[in-house]
Amino acid sequence: FISEPGTSQENALLQAHKLAREYPAVDRGLIFMGPAGVGKTHLSVSIIRDLTEKGFASIFCEFGSLLKQIQDSYNPVSKSSELKVLAPVFQADVLVLDELGATVPTDWVRDTMYQIINKRYNDNKLTIFTTNYLDKPRSEKDQVLEDRIGTRLRSRLYEMCKIVVMDGEDYRKQLGFELRRR
């Protein structure tokens, strides 16, 4: 992941380095917002790798996969329970919750998101989020993050996280184009 000077990616990289360098003396996490392929997940993983190397319990969860694990825990055949699935999420010093808002926002999804985010909020645990949804639509057809996660959770995130908006072209699309040209 290479960022050009003065770009939103460069700003995001600086924010990621600052958080990793200053943790645990930080009071807010980050929420990386932007389209697919601009480096949100890449930066989030870099942060938790740095923090894990420093000895902090840090985990990465793709939100849709986490929801699936929770649903699977309800199956009586499963050797898991909801609490067993959520314990590491609740206990980690730093959690990356990737793809926030990507799952269809049913009542169950919103309740589960609220349970996770509110617990980390109340426990003052650092959380880093990535999302493809912004706070202001770019076009009339776009949904915003609040549409996907609800007003209560969006309000919590304003307090929990510094917003880092990332723009740019889809790196994967550019990479695919370069590979096809060879």
N, C-alpha and C. Protein backbone atom coordinates (compact mmCIF):
# COMPACT_ATOMS: atom_id res chain seq x y z
N PHE A 1 0.86 -1.18 0.00
CA PHE A 1 0.00 0.00 0.00
C PHE A 1 0.90 1.23 0.00
N ILE A 2 0.83 2.00 -1.06
CA ILE A 2 1.65 3.21 -1.19
C ILE A 2 0.72 4.41 -1.30
N SER A 3 1.00 5.43 -0.52
CA SER A 3 0.15 6.62 -0.58
C SER A 3 0.94 7.78 -1.15
N GLU A 4 0.24 8.58 -1.92
CA GLU A 4 0.84 9.79 -2.49
C GLU A 4 0.80 10.90 -1.44
N PRO A 5 1.83 11.74 -1.39
CA PRO A 5 1.84 12.85 -0.43
C PRO A 5 0.60 13.73 -0.59
N GLY A 6 -0.01 14.10 0.54
CA GLY A 6 -1.13 15.00 0.52
C GLY A 6 -2.48 14.33 0.26
N THR A 7 -2.50 13.01 0.13
CA THR A 7 -3.76 12.33 -0.15
C THR A 7 -4.45 11.91 1.14
N SER A 8 -5.70 11.50 0.99
CA SER A 8 -6.42 10.99 2.15
C SER A 8 -5.76 9.71 2.66
N GLN A 9 -5.15 8.93 1.77
CA GLN A 9 -4.44 7.73 2.21
C GLN A 9 -3.22 8.09 3.05
N GLU A 10 -2.52 9.15 2.67
CA GLU A 10 -1.38 9.58 3.47
C GLU A 10 -1.83 10.02 4.86
N ASN A 11 -2.93 10.77 4.92
CA ASN A 11 -3.47 11.18 6.21
C ASN A 11 -3.86 9.96 7.03
N ALA A 12 -4.51 8.98 6.40
CA ALA A 12 -4.92 7.77 7.11
C ALA A 12 -3.70 7.01 7.63
N LEU A 13 -2.66 6.94 6.83
CA LEU A 13 -1.43 6.27 7.25
C LEU A 13 -0.83 6.98 8.46
N LEU A 14 -0.81 8.30 8.44
CA LEU A 14 -0.30 9.06 9.59
C LEU A 14 -1.14 8.81 10.84
N GLN A 15 -2.46 8.76 10.69
CA GLN A 15 -3.34 8.50 11.83
C GLN A 15 -3.11 7.09 12.39
N ALA A 16 -2.91 6.13 11.50
CA ALA A 16 -2.66 4.75 11.93
C ALA A 16 -1.34 4.65 12.68
N HIS A 17 -0.29 5.26 12.13
CA HIS A 17 1.02 5.25 12.82
C HIS A 17 0.93 5.92 14.19
N LYS A 18 0.24 7.04 14.24
CA LYS A 18 0.12 7.78 15.50
C LYS A 18 -0.59 6.93 16.55
N LEU A 19 -1.69 6.28 16.18
CA LEU A 19 -2.41 5.46 17.14
C LEU A 19 -1.52 4.30 17.63
N ALA A 20 -0.86 3.62 16.70
CA ALA A 20 0.00 2.48 17.08
C ALA A 20 1.16 2.93 17.96
N ARG A 21 1.71 4.09 17.67
CA ARG A 21 2.85 4.60 18.43
C ARG A 21 2.45 5.04 19.83
N GLU A 22 1.29 5.70 19.96
CA GLU A 22 0.88 6.29 21.23
C GLU A 22 0.05 5.38 22.12
N TYR A 23 -0.47 4.27 21.58
CA TYR A 23 -1.29 3.38 22.40
C TYR A 23 -0.45 2.81 23.54
N PRO A 24 -0.92 2.77 24.78
CA PRO A 24 -2.29 2.91 25.24
C PRO A 24 -2.69 4.32 25.67
N ALA A 25 -1.86 5.31 25.40
CA ALA A 25 -2.17 6.68 25.81
C ALA A 25 -3.03 7.38 24.76
N VAL A 26 -4.04 6.67 24.25
CA VAL A 26 -5.00 7.26 23.32
C VAL A 26 -6.40 7.07 23.90
N ASP A 27 -7.26 8.03 23.64
CA ASP A 27 -8.60 7.94 24.22
C ASP A 27 -9.67 7.57 23.20
N ARG A 28 -9.31 7.52 21.92
CA ARG A 28 -10.29 7.21 20.88
C ARG A 28 -9.68 6.31 19.83
N GLY A 29 -10.51 5.43 19.30
CA GLY A 29 -10.10 4.59 18.19
C GLY A 29 -10.25 5.35 16.88
N LEU A 30 -10.27 4.61 15.80
CA LEU A 30 -10.41 5.20 14.46
C LEU A 30 -11.55 4.51 13.74
N ILE A 31 -12.20 5.26 12.86
CA ILE A 31 -13.15 4.65 11.93
C ILE A 31 -12.72 5.08 10.53
N PHE A 32 -12.20 4.09 9.79
CA PHE A 32 -11.77 4.33 8.41
C PHE A 32 -12.99 4.19 7.52
N MET A 33 -13.33 5.27 6.80
CA MET A 33 -14.50 5.29 5.93
C MET A 33 -14.05 5.54 4.50
N GLY A 34 -14.62 4.79 3.57
CA GLY A 34 -14.30 5.03 2.18
C GLY A 34 -14.67 3.85 1.30
N PRO A 35 -14.51 4.02 0.00
CA PRO A 35 -14.89 2.96 -0.92
C PRO A 35 -13.96 1.75 -0.82
N ALA A 36 -14.36 0.69 -1.46
CA ALA A 36 -13.56 -0.54 -1.48
C ALA A 36 -12.21 -0.29 -2.13
N GLY A 37 -11.19 -0.93 -1.57
CA GLY A 37 -9.89 -0.94 -2.20
C GLY A 37 -8.98 0.24 -1.93
N VAL A 38 -9.33 1.09 -0.94
CA VAL A 38 -8.49 2.26 -0.67
C VAL A 38 -7.51 2.03 0.49
N GLY A 39 -7.57 0.85 1.15
CA GLY A 39 -6.57 0.52 2.16
C GLY A 39 -7.05 0.54 3.60
N LYS A 40 -8.35 0.59 3.81
CA LYS A 40 -8.89 0.66 5.18
C LYS A 40 -8.51 -0.57 6.00
N THR A 41 -8.77 -1.73 5.47
CA THR A 41 -8.46 -2.98 6.18
C THR A 41 -6.96 -3.15 6.33
N HIS A 42 -6.22 -2.82 5.30
CA HIS A 42 -4.75 -2.92 5.32
C HIS A 42 -4.17 -2.12 6.49
N LEU A 43 -4.62 -0.89 6.64
CA LEU A 43 -4.13 -0.05 7.74
C LEU A 43 -4.55 -0.59 9.10
N SER A 44 -5.77 -1.07 9.20
CA SER A 44 -6.27 -1.61 10.47
C SER A 44 -5.46 -2.83 10.91
N VAL A 45 -5.17 -3.71 9.97
CA VAL A 45 -4.37 -4.90 10.27
C VAL A 45 -2.95 -4.48 10.67
N SER A 46 -2.42 -3.48 10.03
CA SER A 46 -1.08 -2.99 10.39
C SER A 46 -1.05 -2.49 11.83
N ILE A 47 -2.09 -1.78 12.23
CA ILE A 47 -2.15 -1.28 13.60
C ILE A 47 -2.13 -2.43 14.60
N ILE A 48 -3.00 -3.43 14.38
CA ILE A 48 -3.05 -4.50 15.38
C ILE A 48 -1.80 -5.38 15.35
N ARG A 49 -1.16 -5.48 14.20
CA ARG A 49 0.13 -6.21 14.17
C ARG A 49 1.16 -5.49 15.04
N ASP A 50 1.24 -4.17 14.89
CA ASP A 50 2.17 -3.39 15.72
C ASP A 50 1.85 -3.55 17.20
N LEU A 51 0.58 -3.45 17.54
CA LEU A 51 0.19 -3.52 18.95
C LEU A 51 0.37 -4.92 19.52
N THR A 52 0.13 -5.94 18.71
CA THR A 52 0.35 -7.32 19.15
C THR A 52 1.83 -7.55 19.43
N GLU A 53 2.69 -7.02 18.56
CA GLU A 53 4.14 -7.13 18.78
C GLU A 53 4.57 -6.44 20.07
N LYS A 54 3.83 -5.42 20.47
CA LYS A 54 4.13 -4.70 21.72
C LYS A 54 3.51 -5.38 22.94
N GLY A 55 2.78 -6.50 22.71
CA GLY A 55 2.23 -7.27 23.81
C GLY A 55 0.78 -6.99 24.17
N PHE A 56 0.08 -6.22 23.35
CA PHE A 56 -1.32 -5.94 23.62
C PHE A 56 -2.21 -6.99 22.94
N ALA A 57 -3.23 -7.44 23.64
CA ALA A 57 -4.17 -8.41 23.08
C ALA A 57 -5.02 -7.69 22.03
N SER A 58 -4.81 -8.04 20.78
CA SER A 58 -5.49 -7.37 19.67
C SER A 58 -6.06 -8.42 18.74
N ILE A 59 -7.30 -8.19 18.30
CA ILE A 59 -7.90 -9.14 17.37
C ILE A 59 -8.60 -8.41 16.22
N PHE A 60 -8.72 -9.14 15.12
CA PHE A 60 -9.37 -8.66 13.91
C PHE A 60 -10.62 -9.51 13.69
N CYS A 61 -11.75 -8.86 13.45
CA CYS A 61 -12.99 -9.57 13.13
C CYS A 61 -13.65 -8.92 11.93
N GLU A 62 -13.95 -9.73 10.93
CA GLU A 62 -14.79 -9.25 9.84
C GLU A 62 -16.21 -9.38 10.37
N PHE A 63 -16.98 -8.31 10.35
CA PHE A 63 -18.25 -8.27 11.06
C PHE A 63 -19.23 -9.34 10.59
N GLY A 64 -19.35 -9.57 9.31
CA GLY A 64 -20.26 -10.59 8.80
C GLY A 64 -19.89 -11.98 9.29
N SER A 65 -18.60 -12.29 9.32
CA SER A 65 -18.14 -13.60 9.82
C SER A 65 -18.41 -13.75 11.30
N LEU A 66 -18.22 -12.67 12.05
CA LEU A 66 -18.51 -12.71 13.49
C LEU A 66 -19.99 -12.98 13.72
N LEU A 67 -20.85 -12.32 12.97
CA LEU A 67 -22.29 -12.56 13.09
C LEU A 67 -22.63 -14.02 12.78
N LYS A 68 -22.00 -14.57 11.76
CA LYS A 68 -22.23 -15.98 11.40
C LYS A 68 -21.80 -16.91 12.52
N GLN A 69 -20.66 -16.64 13.15
CA GLN A 69 -20.21 -17.46 14.28
C GLN A 69 -21.21 -17.39 15.44
N ILE A 70 -21.75 -16.20 15.68
CA ILE A 70 -22.73 -16.05 16.75
C ILE A 70 -23.99 -16.85 16.41
N GLN A 71 -24.46 -16.73 15.17
CA GLN A 71 -25.65 -17.49 14.74
C GLN A 71 -25.41 -18.99 14.87
N ASP A 72 -24.23 -19.44 14.45
CA ASP A 72 -23.91 -20.86 14.53
C ASP A 72 -23.89 -21.35 15.97
N SER A 73 -23.57 -20.48 16.90
CA SER A 73 -23.52 -20.88 18.31
C SER A 73 -24.91 -21.21 18.86
N TYR A 74 -25.96 -20.78 18.18
CA TYR A 74 -27.33 -21.07 18.62
C TYR A 74 -27.75 -22.50 18.25
N ASN A 75 -27.02 -23.13 17.35
CA ASN A 75 -27.32 -24.49 16.92
C ASN A 75 -27.00 -25.45 18.07
N PRO A 76 -27.95 -26.28 18.48
CA PRO A 76 -27.70 -27.18 19.61
C PRO A 76 -26.57 -28.18 19.35
N VAL A 77 -26.27 -28.46 18.10
CA VAL A 77 -25.18 -29.38 17.76
C VAL A 77 -23.82 -28.70 17.96
N SER A 78 -23.83 -27.37 17.91
CA SER A 78 -22.59 -26.60 18.02
C SER A 78 -21.93 -26.80 19.38
N LYS A 79 -20.62 -26.84 19.37
CA LYS A 79 -19.85 -26.95 20.62
C LYS A 79 -19.52 -25.57 21.17
N SER A 80 -20.17 -24.56 20.62
CA SER A 80 -19.88 -23.18 20.99
C SER A 80 -21.09 -22.54 21.65
N SER A 81 -20.87 -21.37 22.21
CA SER A 81 -21.96 -20.57 22.76
C SER A 81 -21.72 -19.13 22.35
N GLU A 82 -22.76 -18.32 22.44
CA GLU A 82 -22.61 -16.91 22.09
C GLU A 82 -21.54 -16.26 22.96
N LEU A 83 -21.54 -16.58 24.24
CA LEU A 83 -20.56 -16.00 25.15
C LEU A 83 -19.14 -16.42 24.78
N LYS A 84 -18.97 -17.68 24.37
CA LYS A 84 -17.64 -18.16 23.98
C LYS A 84 -17.14 -17.43 22.73
N VAL A 85 -18.05 -17.14 21.81
CA VAL A 85 -17.69 -16.41 20.59
C VAL A 85 -17.35 -14.96 20.91
N LEU A 86 -18.15 -14.35 21.79
CA LEU A 86 -17.99 -12.92 22.07
C LEU A 86 -16.92 -12.60 23.11
N ALA A 87 -16.54 -13.53 23.95
CA ALA A 87 -15.56 -13.25 25.01
C ALA A 87 -14.28 -12.62 24.48
N PRO A 88 -13.64 -13.17 23.44
CA PRO A 88 -12.41 -12.52 22.94
C PRO A 88 -12.67 -11.11 22.39
N VAL A 89 -13.83 -10.90 21.80
CA VAL A 89 -14.20 -9.60 21.24
C VAL A 89 -14.35 -8.58 22.37
N PHE A 90 -14.95 -9.01 23.47
CA PHE A 90 -15.14 -8.12 24.61
C PHE A 90 -13.83 -7.87 25.35
N GLN A 91 -12.97 -8.88 25.44
CA GLN A 91 -11.79 -8.81 26.30
C GLN A 91 -10.55 -8.21 25.63
N ALA A 92 -10.47 -8.23 24.33
CA ALA A 92 -9.28 -7.74 23.63
C ALA A 92 -9.00 -6.28 23.99
N ASP A 93 -7.72 -5.96 24.17
CA ASP A 93 -7.34 -4.56 24.39
C ASP A 93 -7.76 -3.71 23.20
N VAL A 94 -7.50 -4.25 22.00
CA VAL A 94 -7.81 -3.54 20.75
C VAL A 94 -8.55 -4.50 19.83
N LEU A 95 -9.67 -4.03 19.30
CA LEU A 95 -10.47 -4.81 18.36
C LEU A 95 -10.58 -4.04 17.05
N VAL A 96 -10.33 -4.74 15.94
CA VAL A 96 -10.67 -4.20 14.63
C VAL A 96 -11.95 -4.89 14.21
N LEU A 97 -12.97 -4.09 13.94
CA LEU A 97 -14.24 -4.59 13.43
C LEU A 97 -14.36 -4.11 11.99
N ASP A 98 -14.07 -5.03 11.08
CA ASP A 98 -13.99 -4.74 9.65
C ASP A 98 -15.36 -4.85 9.00
N GLU A 99 -15.61 -3.98 8.04
CA GLU A 99 -16.84 -4.03 7.24
C GLU A 99 -18.10 -3.71 8.04
N LEU A 100 -18.02 -2.73 8.92
CA LEU A 100 -19.18 -2.31 9.69
C LEU A 100 -20.25 -1.78 8.74
N GLY A 101 -21.46 -2.28 8.90
CA GLY A 101 -22.57 -1.84 8.07
C GLY A 101 -22.77 -2.65 6.81
N ALA A 102 -21.88 -3.60 6.53
CA ALA A 102 -21.99 -4.37 5.30
C ALA A 102 -23.12 -5.40 5.36
N THR A 103 -23.46 -5.86 6.56
CA THR A 103 -24.51 -6.86 6.73
C THR A 103 -25.87 -6.17 6.74
N VAL A 104 -26.85 -6.81 6.09
CA VAL A 104 -28.20 -6.25 6.04
C VAL A 104 -28.67 -5.96 7.47
N PRO A 105 -29.11 -4.73 7.72
CA PRO A 105 -29.42 -4.30 9.10
C PRO A 105 -30.78 -4.78 9.62
N THR A 106 -30.87 -6.08 9.93
CA THR A 106 -32.08 -6.59 10.58
C THR A 106 -32.06 -6.16 12.05
N ASP A 107 -33.17 -6.36 12.73
CA ASP A 107 -33.21 -6.04 14.17
C ASP A 107 -32.16 -6.84 14.93
N TRP A 108 -32.01 -8.14 14.58
CA TRP A 108 -31.03 -8.98 15.26
C TRP A 108 -29.61 -8.46 15.03
N VAL A 109 -29.29 -8.08 13.79
CA VAL A 109 -27.96 -7.55 13.47
C VAL A 109 -27.71 -6.27 14.25
N ARG A 110 -28.68 -5.37 14.29
CA ARG A 110 -28.50 -4.10 15.03
C ARG A 110 -28.36 -4.36 16.53
N ASP A 111 -29.16 -5.28 17.07
CA ASP A 111 -29.04 -5.60 18.50
C ASP A 111 -27.67 -6.19 18.82
N THR A 112 -27.18 -7.06 17.95
CA THR A 112 -25.88 -7.69 18.17
C THR A 112 -24.76 -6.65 18.06
N MET A 113 -24.84 -5.78 17.05
CA MET A 113 -23.85 -4.70 16.92
C MET A 113 -23.86 -3.83 18.16
N TYR A 114 -25.06 -3.50 18.62
CA TYR A 114 -25.17 -2.64 19.81
C TYR A 114 -24.54 -3.33 21.02
N GLN A 115 -24.81 -4.60 21.19
CA GLN A 115 -24.24 -5.35 22.32
C GLN A 115 -22.71 -5.29 22.30
N ILE A 116 -22.12 -5.52 21.15
CA ILE A 116 -20.66 -5.54 21.02
C ILE A 116 -20.08 -4.14 21.23
N ILE A 117 -20.60 -3.19 20.50
CA ILE A 117 -20.04 -1.83 20.54
C ILE A 117 -20.30 -1.18 21.89
N ASN A 118 -21.48 -1.35 22.44
CA ASN A 118 -21.79 -0.74 23.72
C ASN A 118 -20.94 -1.33 24.85
N LYS A 119 -20.70 -2.63 24.82
CA LYS A 119 -19.85 -3.27 25.84
C LYS A 119 -18.43 -2.70 25.77
N ARG A 120 -17.88 -2.58 24.58
CA ARG A 120 -16.53 -2.03 24.43
C ARG A 120 -16.52 -0.55 24.82
N TYR A 121 -17.56 0.17 24.49
CA TYR A 121 -17.69 1.58 24.87
C TYR A 121 -17.70 1.71 26.40
N ASN A 122 -18.55 0.93 27.06
CA ASN A 122 -18.65 0.99 28.52
C ASN A 122 -17.36 0.56 29.22
N ASP A 123 -16.65 -0.39 28.62
CA ASP A 123 -15.39 -0.87 29.19
C ASP A 123 -14.19 -0.03 28.77
N ASN A 124 -14.45 1.02 27.98
CA ASN A 124 -13.40 1.93 27.51
C ASN A 124 -12.29 1.18 26.77
N LYS A 125 -12.69 0.26 25.90
CA LYS A 125 -11.75 -0.53 25.11
C LYS A 125 -11.59 0.10 23.73
N LEU A 126 -10.38 0.16 23.25
CA LEU A 126 -10.10 0.76 21.95
C LEU A 126 -10.63 -0.13 20.82
N THR A 127 -11.36 0.50 19.93
CA THR A 127 -11.93 -0.22 18.79
C THR A 127 -11.65 0.58 17.52
N ILE A 128 -11.28 -0.15 16.48
CA ILE A 128 -11.03 0.42 15.16
C ILE A 128 -12.05 -0.20 14.22
N PHE A 129 -12.70 0.64 13.43
CA PHE A 129 -13.72 0.17 12.51
C PHE A 129 -13.32 0.50 11.08
N THR A 130 -13.78 -0.32 10.14
CA THR A 130 -13.71 0.04 8.73
C THR A 130 -15.12 -0.06 8.18
N THR A 131 -15.44 0.82 7.25
CA THR A 131 -16.75 0.80 6.62
C THR A 131 -16.68 1.44 5.23
N ASN A 132 -17.52 0.95 4.35
CA ASN A 132 -17.64 1.55 3.02
C ASN A 132 -18.67 2.68 3.02
N TYR A 133 -19.34 2.87 4.15
CA TYR A 133 -20.39 3.88 4.25
C TYR A 133 -19.84 5.16 4.88
N LEU A 134 -20.28 6.29 4.34
CA LEU A 134 -19.86 7.59 4.83
C LEU A 134 -20.97 8.20 5.69
N ASP A 135 -20.72 9.37 6.24
CA ASP A 135 -21.74 10.07 7.01
C ASP A 135 -22.62 10.96 6.13
N LYS A 136 -22.14 11.29 4.95
CA LYS A 136 -22.91 12.09 4.00
C LYS A 136 -22.92 11.34 2.67
N PRO A 137 -24.09 11.20 2.06
CA PRO A 137 -24.16 10.46 0.79
C PRO A 137 -23.45 11.22 -0.33
N ARG A 138 -22.83 10.48 -1.21
CA ARG A 138 -22.19 11.10 -2.38
C ARG A 138 -23.19 11.29 -3.51
N SER A 139 -24.25 10.48 -3.49
CA SER A 139 -25.32 10.62 -4.48
C SER A 139 -26.65 10.33 -3.79
N GLU A 140 -27.73 10.58 -4.48
CA GLU A 140 -29.06 10.39 -3.89
C GLU A 140 -29.33 8.94 -3.54
N LYS A 141 -28.74 8.01 -4.25
CA LYS A 141 -29.02 6.59 -4.01
C LYS A 141 -28.17 5.99 -2.89
N ASP A 142 -27.14 6.69 -2.43
CA ASP A 142 -26.24 6.16 -1.41
C ASP A 142 -26.88 6.15 -0.02
N GLN A 143 -26.67 5.04 0.70
CA GLN A 143 -27.00 5.01 2.11
C GLN A 143 -25.81 5.53 2.88
N VAL A 144 -26.06 6.03 4.08
CA VAL A 144 -24.99 6.49 4.97
C VAL A 144 -24.84 5.48 6.10
N LEU A 145 -23.76 5.61 6.86
CA LEU A 145 -23.49 4.66 7.92
C LEU A 145 -24.64 4.58 8.92
N GLU A 146 -25.21 5.72 9.27
CA GLU A 146 -26.32 5.73 10.22
C GLU A 146 -27.51 4.90 9.73
N ASP A 147 -27.75 4.89 8.41
CA ASP A 147 -28.82 4.06 7.84
C ASP A 147 -28.55 2.58 8.11
N ARG A 148 -27.30 2.21 8.12
CA ARG A 148 -26.92 0.80 8.24
C ARG A 148 -26.80 0.32 9.69
N ILE A 149 -26.42 1.21 10.60
CA ILE A 149 -26.19 0.75 11.98
C ILE A 149 -27.13 1.40 12.99
N GLY A 150 -27.87 2.40 12.59
CA GLY A 150 -28.81 3.05 13.50
C GLY A 150 -28.22 4.28 14.18
N THR A 151 -29.10 5.13 14.65
CA THR A 151 -28.72 6.40 15.26
C THR A 151 -27.95 6.22 16.57
N ARG A 152 -28.42 5.29 17.42
CA ARG A 152 -27.76 5.08 18.73
C ARG A 152 -26.30 4.68 18.55
N LEU A 153 -26.06 3.71 17.67
CA LEU A 153 -24.68 3.25 17.48
C LEU A 153 -23.82 4.31 16.81
N ARG A 154 -24.38 5.01 15.83
CA ARG A 154 -23.59 6.05 15.17
C ARG A 154 -23.19 7.11 16.19
N SER A 155 -24.07 7.43 17.11
CA SER A 155 -23.76 8.40 18.15
C SER A 155 -22.61 7.90 19.03
N ARG A 156 -22.63 6.62 19.40
CA ARG A 156 -21.54 6.04 20.21
C ARG A 156 -20.21 6.16 19.46
N LEU A 157 -20.26 5.89 18.17
CA LEU A 157 -19.01 5.91 17.39
C LEU A 157 -18.40 7.31 17.29
N TYR A 158 -19.24 8.34 17.30
CA TYR A 158 -18.70 9.70 17.29
C TYR A 158 -17.82 9.93 18.52
N GLU A 159 -18.23 9.38 19.64
CA GLU A 159 -17.46 9.54 20.86
C GLU A 159 -16.26 8.58 20.92
N MET A 160 -16.43 7.38 20.38
CA MET A 160 -15.41 6.34 20.48
C MET A 160 -14.26 6.51 19.49
N CYS A 161 -14.52 7.14 18.35
CA CYS A 161 -13.56 7.08 17.25
C CYS A 161 -13.37 8.42 16.55
N LYS A 162 -12.17 8.59 16.08
CA LYS A 162 -11.86 9.69 15.18
C LYS A 162 -12.17 9.21 13.76
N ILE A 163 -12.86 10.04 12.99
CA ILE A 163 -13.24 9.70 11.62
C ILE A 163 -12.06 9.94 10.69
N VAL A 164 -11.73 8.94 9.88
CA VAL A 164 -10.68 9.05 8.89
C VAL A 164 -11.29 8.65 7.54
N VAL A 165 -11.60 9.64 6.71
CA VAL A 165 -12.19 9.38 5.41
C VAL A 165 -11.07 9.15 4.41
N MET A 166 -11.22 8.08 3.65
CA MET A 166 -10.21 7.73 2.63
C MET A 166 -10.88 7.72 1.26
N ASP A 167 -10.26 8.40 0.32
CA ASP A 167 -10.74 8.43 -1.06
C ASP A 167 -9.68 7.79 -1.94
N GLY A 168 -10.05 7.58 -3.17
CA GLY A 168 -9.08 7.07 -4.12
C GLY A 168 -9.66 5.96 -4.96
N GLU A 169 -8.81 5.49 -5.85
CA GLU A 169 -9.19 4.40 -6.73
C GLU A 169 -9.03 3.07 -6.01
N ASP A 170 -9.78 2.09 -6.45
CA ASP A 170 -9.70 0.74 -5.90
C ASP A 170 -8.34 0.14 -6.28
N TYR A 171 -7.51 -0.07 -5.27
CA TYR A 171 -6.16 -0.60 -5.49
C TYR A 171 -6.22 -1.97 -6.17
N ARG A 172 -7.18 -2.79 -5.78
CA ARG A 172 -7.29 -4.13 -6.37
C ARG A 172 -7.63 -4.04 -7.85
N LYS A 173 -8.49 -3.08 -8.20
CA LYS A 173 -8.86 -2.89 -9.60
C LYS A 173 -7.64 -2.44 -10.40
N GLN A 174 -6.86 -1.51 -9.83
CA GLN A 174 -5.64 -1.04 -10.49
C GLN A 174 -4.65 -2.20 -10.65
N LEU A 175 -4.51 -3.00 -9.60
CA LEU A 175 -3.60 -4.14 -9.64
C LEU A 175 -4.02 -5.12 -10.72
N GLY A 176 -5.32 -5.40 -10.81
CA GLY A 176 -5.84 -6.29 -11.85
C GLY A 176 -5.57 -5.76 -13.23
N PHE A 177 -5.72 -4.45 -13.42
CA PHE A 177 -5.45 -3.82 -14.70
C PHE A 177 -3.98 -3.97 -15.05
N GLU A 178 -3.10 -3.73 -14.09
CA GLU A 178 -1.66 -3.85 -14.32
C GLU A 178 -1.28 -5.29 -14.68
N LEU A 179 -1.88 -6.25 -14.00
CA LEU A 179 -1.58 -7.66 -14.27
C LEU A 179 -2.06 -8.07 -15.65
N ARG A 180 -3.21 -7.52 -16.09
CA ARG A 180 -3.74 -7.86 -17.44
C ARG A 180 -2.87 -7.25 -18.53
N ARG A 181 -2.21 -6.12 -18.24
CA ARG A 181 -1.37 -5.46 -19.25
C ARG A 181 -0.08 -6.21 -19.49
N ARG A 182 0.34 -7.05 -18.57
CA ARG A 182 1.61 -7.76 -18.71
C ARG A 182 1.55 -8.87 -19.69
